[in-house]
Amino acid sequence: MTFLLEALLYLATGAFYWWWTQNLSFFGLAPDIIFAAALSAAILSGPVKAMTWGFFLGLYADLLGSGVFGGYALTYTLMAYAVYLVKRQFDMDSFFSQLVAALSLSWASMLFYMGLSLVFSRINPGSVKIFLVEPFLNALAVPALFYAFRRLKRRFGIL
């Protein structure tokens, strides 16, 4: 039963990301809901489930994009593993630590994905506008998604 609920949450997250970027982007900018969901899942769950969520959310982002296929899947999987290593040392449930993690991991993920794109396809997928503004939008989205995911975990036992 929990597997079906997690699959439903995955599909709902992807649909919400698509809807948000289509309808609520401002000057072409919107928070990366997929990134926020991967980070929230990494904070809430164990290492295997966190990396699985990161991989499949990254795969969804790869299917929506036109860059290096598998780049986001690798990026979010490595991000989930890094969060697993860090959350043993820090309290990742606090608002401030989520903001700091979202900011730093947004920039690290963007740089890693840009590096993958440059190495494998010789294109630079990012822009300065996205690099400077999107991490702050992600930092605002992560605590909200974390709160929703934590409520779902307490109520239904998923994640």
N, C-alpha and C. Protein backbone atom coordinates (compact mmCIF):
# COMPACT_ATOMS: atom_id res chain seq x y z
N MET A 1 0.82 -1.19 0.00
CA MET A 1 0.00 0.00 0.00
C MET A 1 0.86 1.26 0.00
N THR A 2 1.95 1.24 0.79
CA THR A 2 2.80 2.44 0.83
C THR A 2 3.49 2.67 -0.51
N PHE A 3 3.78 1.60 -1.23
CA PHE A 3 4.40 1.75 -2.55
C PHE A 3 3.46 2.50 -3.49
N LEU A 4 2.18 2.18 -3.46
CA LEU A 4 1.22 2.88 -4.31
C LEU A 4 1.07 4.34 -3.90
N LEU A 5 1.09 4.59 -2.60
CA LEU A 5 1.01 5.97 -2.13
C LEU A 5 2.25 6.77 -2.53
N GLU A 6 3.42 6.14 -2.46
CA GLU A 6 4.64 6.82 -2.90
C GLU A 6 4.63 7.08 -4.39
N ALA A 7 4.12 6.12 -5.17
CA ALA A 7 4.02 6.34 -6.61
C ALA A 7 3.05 7.47 -6.92
N LEU A 8 1.96 7.54 -6.17
CA LEU A 8 1.01 8.62 -6.34
C LEU A 8 1.62 9.97 -5.96
N LEU A 9 2.40 10.00 -4.88
CA LEU A 9 3.09 11.23 -4.47
C LEU A 9 4.10 11.66 -5.53
N TYR A 10 4.81 10.70 -6.10
CA TYR A 10 5.77 11.00 -7.17
C TYR A 10 5.07 11.62 -8.37
N LEU A 11 3.97 11.03 -8.79
CA LEU A 11 3.23 11.56 -9.93
C LEU A 11 2.62 12.93 -9.62
N ALA A 12 2.14 13.10 -8.39
CA ALA A 12 1.57 14.40 -8.00
C ALA A 12 2.66 15.47 -7.95
N THR A 13 3.84 15.11 -7.49
CA THR A 13 4.96 16.06 -7.46
C THR A 13 5.33 16.49 -8.88
N GLY A 14 5.42 15.53 -9.77
CA GLY A 14 5.74 15.85 -11.16
C GLY A 14 4.67 16.71 -11.82
N ALA A 15 3.41 16.40 -11.57
CA ALA A 15 2.32 17.20 -12.13
C ALA A 15 2.31 18.61 -11.55
N PHE A 16 2.57 18.72 -10.25
CA PHE A 16 2.61 20.04 -9.62
C PHE A 16 3.77 20.87 -10.17
N TYR A 17 4.91 20.23 -10.37
CA TYR A 17 6.06 20.93 -10.97
C TYR A 17 5.70 21.42 -12.37
N TRP A 18 5.12 20.60 -13.18
CA TRP A 18 4.76 20.99 -14.53
C TRP A 18 3.76 22.13 -14.50
N TRP A 19 2.73 22.02 -13.65
CA TRP A 19 1.70 23.06 -13.57
C TRP A 19 2.31 24.38 -13.10
N TRP A 20 3.16 24.33 -12.09
CA TRP A 20 3.76 25.55 -11.55
C TRP A 20 4.60 26.26 -12.60
N THR A 21 5.43 25.51 -13.31
CA THR A 21 6.31 26.14 -14.30
C THR A 21 5.52 26.67 -15.50
N GLN A 22 4.39 26.05 -15.81
CA GLN A 22 3.58 26.52 -16.93
C GLN A 22 2.75 27.74 -16.58
N ASN A 23 2.28 27.84 -15.34
CA ASN A 23 1.31 28.87 -14.99
C ASN A 23 1.82 29.95 -14.05
N LEU A 24 2.82 29.67 -13.23
CA LEU A 24 3.23 30.62 -12.22
C LEU A 24 4.68 31.08 -12.33
N SER A 25 5.29 30.87 -13.46
CA SER A 25 6.66 31.36 -13.59
C SER A 25 6.62 32.87 -13.81
N PHE A 26 7.61 33.54 -13.24
CA PHE A 26 7.69 34.99 -13.26
C PHE A 26 8.98 35.37 -13.96
N PHE A 27 8.89 35.99 -15.12
CA PHE A 27 10.05 36.30 -15.97
C PHE A 27 10.84 35.04 -16.32
N GLY A 28 10.14 33.96 -16.52
CA GLY A 28 10.79 32.70 -16.86
C GLY A 28 11.44 32.00 -15.69
N LEU A 29 11.19 32.46 -14.47
CA LEU A 29 11.79 31.86 -13.28
C LEU A 29 10.71 31.24 -12.40
N ALA A 30 11.00 30.08 -11.89
CA ALA A 30 10.12 29.40 -10.96
C ALA A 30 10.99 28.52 -10.07
N PRO A 31 10.55 28.25 -8.85
CA PRO A 31 11.34 27.34 -8.02
C PRO A 31 11.34 25.94 -8.64
N ASP A 32 12.44 25.26 -8.47
CA ASP A 32 12.57 23.90 -8.99
C ASP A 32 11.93 22.96 -7.97
N ILE A 33 10.67 22.66 -8.19
CA ILE A 33 9.90 21.82 -7.27
C ILE A 33 10.48 20.40 -7.24
N ILE A 34 11.02 19.95 -8.35
CA ILE A 34 11.64 18.62 -8.39
C ILE A 34 12.86 18.58 -7.46
N PHE A 35 13.68 19.62 -7.52
CA PHE A 35 14.83 19.72 -6.62
C PHE A 35 14.37 19.76 -5.17
N ALA A 36 13.36 20.58 -4.88
CA ALA A 36 12.85 20.70 -3.51
C ALA A 36 12.29 19.38 -3.01
N ALA A 37 11.61 18.64 -3.87
CA ALA A 37 11.06 17.34 -3.48
C ALA A 37 12.18 16.32 -3.24
N ALA A 38 13.20 16.35 -4.07
CA ALA A 38 14.32 15.43 -3.88
C ALA A 38 15.06 15.74 -2.58
N LEU A 39 15.26 17.01 -2.29
CA LEU A 39 15.93 17.40 -1.05
C LEU A 39 15.07 17.06 0.17
N SER A 40 13.78 17.30 0.10
CA SER A 40 12.89 16.98 1.21
C SER A 40 12.83 15.47 1.45
N ALA A 41 12.78 14.70 0.39
CA ALA A 41 12.77 13.24 0.53
C ALA A 41 14.10 12.75 1.11
N ALA A 42 15.19 13.39 0.73
CA ALA A 42 16.50 12.99 1.26
C ALA A 42 16.61 13.29 2.75
N ILE A 43 16.00 14.39 3.19
CA ILE A 43 16.03 14.73 4.60
C ILE A 43 15.16 13.78 5.41
N LEU A 44 14.02 13.40 4.87
CA LEU A 44 13.04 12.62 5.64
C LEU A 44 13.31 11.11 5.66
N SER A 45 13.94 10.59 4.65
CA SER A 45 14.04 9.13 4.56
C SER A 45 15.47 8.65 4.69
N GLY A 46 15.61 7.34 4.69
CA GLY A 46 16.92 6.72 4.78
C GLY A 46 17.69 6.85 3.48
N PRO A 47 18.93 6.35 3.47
CA PRO A 47 19.77 6.57 2.29
C PRO A 47 19.28 5.89 1.01
N VAL A 48 18.79 4.68 1.12
CA VAL A 48 18.38 3.97 -0.09
C VAL A 48 17.13 4.60 -0.69
N LYS A 49 16.15 4.87 0.14
CA LYS A 49 14.92 5.48 -0.35
C LYS A 49 15.18 6.90 -0.83
N ALA A 50 16.05 7.63 -0.16
CA ALA A 50 16.36 9.00 -0.58
C ALA A 50 17.04 9.01 -1.94
N MET A 51 17.98 8.10 -2.15
CA MET A 51 18.66 8.07 -3.44
C MET A 51 17.72 7.56 -4.54
N THR A 52 16.80 6.66 -4.20
CA THR A 52 15.82 6.20 -5.18
C THR A 52 14.91 7.35 -5.59
N TRP A 53 14.41 8.11 -4.60
CA TRP A 53 13.58 9.27 -4.91
C TRP A 53 14.37 10.28 -5.73
N GLY A 54 15.61 10.54 -5.35
CA GLY A 54 16.43 11.48 -6.11
C GLY A 54 16.63 11.04 -7.54
N PHE A 55 16.88 9.74 -7.73
CA PHE A 55 17.09 9.22 -9.08
C PHE A 55 15.83 9.38 -9.93
N PHE A 56 14.69 8.96 -9.41
CA PHE A 56 13.48 9.00 -10.22
C PHE A 56 12.96 10.42 -10.43
N LEU A 57 13.14 11.30 -9.44
CA LEU A 57 12.78 12.70 -9.66
C LEU A 57 13.71 13.34 -10.68
N GLY A 58 14.99 13.00 -10.62
CA GLY A 58 15.93 13.49 -11.62
C GLY A 58 15.63 12.95 -13.00
N LEU A 59 15.20 11.70 -13.06
CA LEU A 59 14.82 11.11 -14.35
C LEU A 59 13.62 11.84 -14.94
N TYR A 60 12.69 12.23 -14.08
CA TYR A 60 11.54 13.01 -14.54
C TYR A 60 12.00 14.36 -15.08
N ALA A 61 12.92 15.01 -14.37
CA ALA A 61 13.45 16.29 -14.84
C ALA A 61 14.20 16.11 -16.16
N ASP A 62 14.88 14.98 -16.32
CA ASP A 62 15.57 14.70 -17.58
C ASP A 62 14.58 14.51 -18.72
N LEU A 63 13.46 13.88 -18.44
CA LEU A 63 12.45 13.67 -19.48
C LEU A 63 11.83 15.00 -19.92
N LEU A 64 11.73 15.95 -19.01
CA LEU A 64 11.15 17.25 -19.36
C LEU A 64 12.14 18.15 -20.07
N GLY A 65 13.42 17.95 -19.84
CA GLY A 65 14.44 18.83 -20.40
C GLY A 65 14.98 18.34 -21.72
N SER A 66 15.92 19.12 -22.23
CA SER A 66 16.53 18.75 -23.50
C SER A 66 18.05 18.68 -23.39
N GLY A 67 18.56 18.58 -22.17
CA GLY A 67 20.00 18.54 -21.96
C GLY A 67 20.52 17.11 -21.98
N VAL A 68 21.52 16.88 -21.17
CA VAL A 68 22.14 15.57 -21.07
C VAL A 68 21.18 14.63 -20.37
N PHE A 69 20.76 13.57 -21.06
CA PHE A 69 19.81 12.65 -20.46
C PHE A 69 20.52 11.84 -19.36
N GLY A 70 19.96 11.86 -18.18
CA GLY A 70 20.53 11.18 -17.03
C GLY A 70 21.33 12.10 -16.14
N GLY A 71 21.55 13.31 -16.59
CA GLY A 71 22.34 14.27 -15.81
C GLY A 71 21.66 14.66 -14.51
N TYR A 72 20.37 14.98 -14.59
CA TYR A 72 19.65 15.32 -13.37
C TYR A 72 19.49 14.11 -12.46
N ALA A 73 19.29 12.94 -13.04
CA ALA A 73 19.17 11.73 -12.23
C ALA A 73 20.45 11.50 -11.43
N LEU A 74 21.59 11.64 -12.07
CA LEU A 74 22.86 11.50 -11.37
C LEU A 74 23.05 12.61 -10.34
N THR A 75 22.71 13.83 -10.70
CA THR A 75 22.88 14.97 -9.81
C THR A 75 22.04 14.81 -8.55
N TYR A 76 20.77 14.47 -8.71
CA TYR A 76 19.88 14.36 -7.54
C TYR A 76 20.18 13.12 -6.71
N THR A 77 20.68 12.07 -7.33
CA THR A 77 21.09 10.89 -6.57
C THR A 77 22.30 11.21 -5.71
N LEU A 78 23.28 11.90 -6.27
CA LEU A 78 24.45 12.29 -5.49
C LEU A 78 24.09 13.31 -4.41
N MET A 79 23.14 14.19 -4.71
CA MET A 79 22.68 15.14 -3.71
C MET A 79 22.02 14.42 -2.53
N ALA A 80 21.22 13.41 -2.81
CA ALA A 80 20.57 12.66 -1.74
C ALA A 80 21.60 11.94 -0.88
N TYR A 81 22.65 11.42 -1.50
CA TYR A 81 23.70 10.77 -0.73
C TYR A 81 24.46 11.79 0.13
N ALA A 82 24.71 12.96 -0.42
CA ALA A 82 25.38 14.01 0.36
C ALA A 82 24.54 14.46 1.54
N VAL A 83 23.23 14.55 1.34
CA VAL A 83 22.34 14.91 2.45
C VAL A 83 22.35 13.82 3.52
N TYR A 84 22.41 12.57 3.10
CA TYR A 84 22.50 11.47 4.06
C TYR A 84 23.76 11.60 4.90
N LEU A 85 24.88 11.94 4.28
CA LEU A 85 26.12 12.10 5.03
C LEU A 85 26.07 13.30 5.97
N VAL A 86 25.44 14.37 5.53
CA VAL A 86 25.41 15.60 6.33
C VAL A 86 24.39 15.53 7.45
N LYS A 87 23.27 14.86 7.21
CA LYS A 87 22.20 14.89 8.21
C LYS A 87 22.53 14.08 9.46
N ARG A 88 23.57 13.30 9.41
CA ARG A 88 24.03 12.62 10.64
C ARG A 88 24.73 13.60 11.56
N GLN A 89 25.23 14.72 11.00
CA GLN A 89 25.96 15.70 11.79
C GLN A 89 25.12 16.92 12.16
N PHE A 90 24.11 17.24 11.35
CA PHE A 90 23.32 18.44 11.54
C PHE A 90 21.85 18.10 11.66
N ASP A 91 21.10 18.98 12.30
CA ASP A 91 19.65 18.83 12.40
C ASP A 91 19.03 19.43 11.14
N MET A 92 18.68 18.59 10.21
CA MET A 92 18.13 19.07 8.95
C MET A 92 16.63 19.35 9.03
N ASP A 93 16.01 19.12 10.18
CA ASP A 93 14.59 19.41 10.33
C ASP A 93 14.31 20.88 10.60
N SER A 94 15.33 21.63 10.95
CA SER A 94 15.11 23.05 11.28
C SER A 94 15.01 23.89 10.00
N PHE A 95 14.29 24.97 10.11
CA PHE A 95 14.04 25.85 8.98
C PHE A 95 15.34 26.44 8.43
N PHE A 96 16.20 26.91 9.30
CA PHE A 96 17.44 27.55 8.87
C PHE A 96 18.36 26.56 8.15
N SER A 97 18.48 25.36 8.67
CA SER A 97 19.36 24.39 8.02
C SER A 97 18.80 23.96 6.66
N GLN A 98 17.49 23.96 6.51
CA GLN A 98 16.90 23.66 5.21
C GLN A 98 17.18 24.77 4.21
N LEU A 99 17.12 26.02 4.68
CA LEU A 99 17.44 27.15 3.80
C LEU A 99 18.89 27.10 3.34
N VAL A 100 19.79 26.85 4.28
CA VAL A 100 21.21 26.79 3.94
C VAL A 100 21.48 25.61 3.01
N ALA A 101 20.89 24.46 3.30
CA ALA A 101 21.08 23.29 2.44
C ALA A 101 20.52 23.53 1.05
N ALA A 102 19.35 24.17 0.97
CA ALA A 102 18.75 24.43 -0.34
C ALA A 102 19.60 25.39 -1.15
N LEU A 103 20.10 26.44 -0.52
CA LEU A 103 20.95 27.39 -1.25
C LEU A 103 22.24 26.74 -1.73
N SER A 104 22.94 26.09 -0.81
CA SER A 104 24.23 25.52 -1.18
C SER A 104 24.09 24.36 -2.17
N LEU A 105 23.10 23.50 -1.95
CA LEU A 105 22.93 22.36 -2.86
C LEU A 105 22.35 22.78 -4.20
N SER A 106 21.59 23.87 -4.24
CA SER A 106 21.12 24.38 -5.54
C SER A 106 22.29 24.80 -6.40
N TRP A 107 23.17 25.60 -5.81
CA TRP A 107 24.34 26.03 -6.59
C TRP A 107 25.25 24.86 -6.95
N ALA A 108 25.46 23.96 -6.00
CA ALA A 108 26.31 22.80 -6.28
C ALA A 108 25.70 21.92 -7.37
N SER A 109 24.39 21.71 -7.31
CA SER A 109 23.72 20.89 -8.33
C SER A 109 23.76 21.55 -9.70
N MET A 110 23.56 22.87 -9.72
CA MET A 110 23.63 23.57 -11.01
C MET A 110 25.03 23.49 -11.61
N LEU A 111 26.04 23.72 -10.79
CA LEU A 111 27.41 23.65 -11.29
C LEU A 111 27.77 22.25 -11.77
N PHE A 112 27.33 21.23 -11.01
CA PHE A 112 27.61 19.86 -11.41
C PHE A 112 26.91 19.52 -12.72
N TYR A 113 25.65 19.92 -12.86
CA TYR A 113 24.92 19.63 -14.09
C TYR A 113 25.51 20.41 -15.27
N MET A 114 25.92 21.65 -15.04
CA MET A 114 26.56 22.41 -16.11
C MET A 114 27.88 21.75 -16.54
N GLY A 115 28.61 21.24 -15.55
CA GLY A 115 29.85 20.53 -15.88
C GLY A 115 29.58 19.28 -16.69
N LEU A 116 28.56 18.52 -16.32
CA LEU A 116 28.19 17.34 -17.09
C LEU A 116 27.80 17.72 -18.52
N SER A 117 27.03 18.78 -18.65
CA SER A 117 26.60 19.22 -19.98
C SER A 117 27.77 19.66 -20.83
N LEU A 118 28.70 20.37 -20.23
CA LEU A 118 29.86 20.81 -21.00
C LEU A 118 30.74 19.64 -21.42
N VAL A 119 30.89 18.67 -20.54
CA VAL A 119 31.75 17.53 -20.85
C VAL A 119 31.12 16.62 -21.91
N PHE A 120 29.83 16.33 -21.76
CA PHE A 120 29.22 15.32 -22.63
C PHE A 120 28.53 15.87 -23.88
N SER A 121 28.02 17.09 -23.81
CA SER A 121 27.32 17.58 -25.00
C SER A 121 27.84 18.92 -25.50
N ARG A 122 28.82 19.48 -24.83
CA ARG A 122 29.47 20.72 -25.24
C ARG A 122 28.50 21.92 -25.30
N ILE A 123 27.45 21.87 -24.49
CA ILE A 123 26.54 23.01 -24.41
C ILE A 123 26.44 23.45 -22.95
N ASN A 124 26.17 24.72 -22.75
CA ASN A 124 25.98 25.26 -21.41
C ASN A 124 24.49 25.51 -21.21
N PRO A 125 23.80 24.71 -20.37
CA PRO A 125 22.35 24.81 -20.26
C PRO A 125 21.87 25.95 -19.37
N GLY A 126 22.75 26.58 -18.62
CA GLY A 126 22.30 27.56 -17.64
C GLY A 126 22.48 28.99 -18.12
N SER A 127 21.85 29.88 -17.39
CA SER A 127 22.03 31.30 -17.64
C SER A 127 22.34 31.97 -16.31
N VAL A 128 22.84 33.16 -16.37
CA VAL A 128 23.20 33.89 -15.16
C VAL A 128 21.95 34.18 -14.33
N LYS A 129 20.85 34.50 -15.00
CA LYS A 129 19.60 34.79 -14.31
C LYS A 129 19.14 33.60 -13.47
N ILE A 130 19.20 32.43 -14.05
CA ILE A 130 18.79 31.23 -13.32
C ILE A 130 19.77 30.93 -12.20
N PHE A 131 21.05 31.09 -12.46
CA PHE A 131 22.07 30.78 -11.46
C PHE A 131 21.99 31.71 -10.26
N LEU A 132 21.59 32.96 -10.47
CA LEU A 132 21.56 33.92 -9.37
C LEU A 132 20.23 33.94 -8.61
N VAL A 133 19.13 33.62 -9.27
CA VAL A 133 17.82 33.78 -8.64
C VAL A 133 17.20 32.44 -8.19
N GLU A 134 17.34 31.40 -9.00
CA GLU A 134 16.64 30.14 -8.70
C GLU A 134 17.03 29.52 -7.36
N PRO A 135 18.28 29.57 -6.91
CA PRO A 135 18.57 29.01 -5.58
C PRO A 135 17.78 29.66 -4.45
N PHE A 136 17.51 30.94 -4.55
CA PHE A 136 16.72 31.61 -3.52
C PHE A 136 15.25 31.19 -3.59
N LEU A 137 14.76 30.97 -4.81
CA LEU A 137 13.39 30.45 -4.95
C LEU A 137 13.31 29.03 -4.42
N ASN A 138 14.35 28.23 -4.68
CA ASN A 138 14.38 26.86 -4.15
C ASN A 138 14.43 26.87 -2.62
N ALA A 139 15.18 27.82 -2.06
CA ALA A 139 15.28 27.91 -0.60
C ALA A 139 13.93 28.23 0.03
N LEU A 140 13.09 28.93 -0.68
CA LEU A 140 11.74 29.20 -0.17
C LEU A 140 10.81 28.00 -0.37
N ALA A 141 11.05 27.22 -1.41
CA ALA A 141 10.18 26.09 -1.71
C ALA A 141 10.48 24.87 -0.85
N VAL A 142 11.74 24.67 -0.46
CA VAL A 142 12.11 23.46 0.28
C VAL A 142 11.39 23.34 1.62
N PRO A 143 11.35 24.37 2.47
CA PRO A 143 10.65 24.20 3.74
C PRO A 143 9.15 23.92 3.58
N ALA A 144 8.52 24.51 2.57
CA ALA A 144 7.10 24.26 2.34
C ALA A 144 6.87 22.81 1.90
N LEU A 145 7.69 22.33 0.98
CA LEU A 145 7.55 20.94 0.53
C LEU A 145 7.95 19.97 1.63
N PHE A 146 8.95 20.32 2.41
CA PHE A 146 9.36 19.47 3.52
C PHE A 146 8.21 19.32 4.52
N TYR A 147 7.54 20.42 4.81
CA TYR A 147 6.40 20.38 5.74
C TYR A 147 5.30 19.46 5.20
N ALA A 148 4.99 19.58 3.91
CA ALA A 148 3.96 18.73 3.31
C ALA A 148 4.38 17.26 3.32
N PHE A 149 5.63 16.98 2.96
CA PHE A 149 6.12 15.60 2.95
C PHE A 149 6.16 15.02 4.36
N ARG A 150 6.55 15.84 5.35
CA ARG A 150 6.59 15.34 6.73
C ARG A 150 5.20 15.00 7.23
N ARG A 151 4.22 15.81 6.86
CA ARG A 151 2.84 15.50 7.26
C ARG A 151 2.36 14.21 6.61
N LEU A 152 2.70 14.01 5.35
CA LEU A 152 2.33 12.78 4.67
C LEU A 152 3.03 11.57 5.28
N LYS A 153 4.27 11.77 5.70
CA LYS A 153 5.00 10.66 6.33
C LYS A 153 4.36 10.29 7.66
N ARG A 154 3.98 11.27 8.44
CA ARG A 154 3.35 10.98 9.73
C ARG A 154 1.96 10.37 9.57
N ARG A 155 1.23 10.84 8.58
CA ARG A 155 -0.14 10.37 8.43
C ARG A 155 -0.23 9.01 7.74
N PHE A 156 0.54 8.82 6.67
CA PHE A 156 0.41 7.61 5.87
C PHE A 156 1.62 6.68 5.93
N GLY A 157 2.71 7.12 6.53
CA GLY A 157 3.89 6.29 6.65
C GLY A 157 4.70 6.16 5.38
N ILE A 158 4.54 7.09 4.45
CA ILE A 158 5.32 7.04 3.21
C ILE A 158 6.59 7.85 3.38
N LEU A 159 7.53 7.64 2.54
CA LEU A 159 8.86 8.25 2.58
C LEU A 159 9.55 7.71 3.75
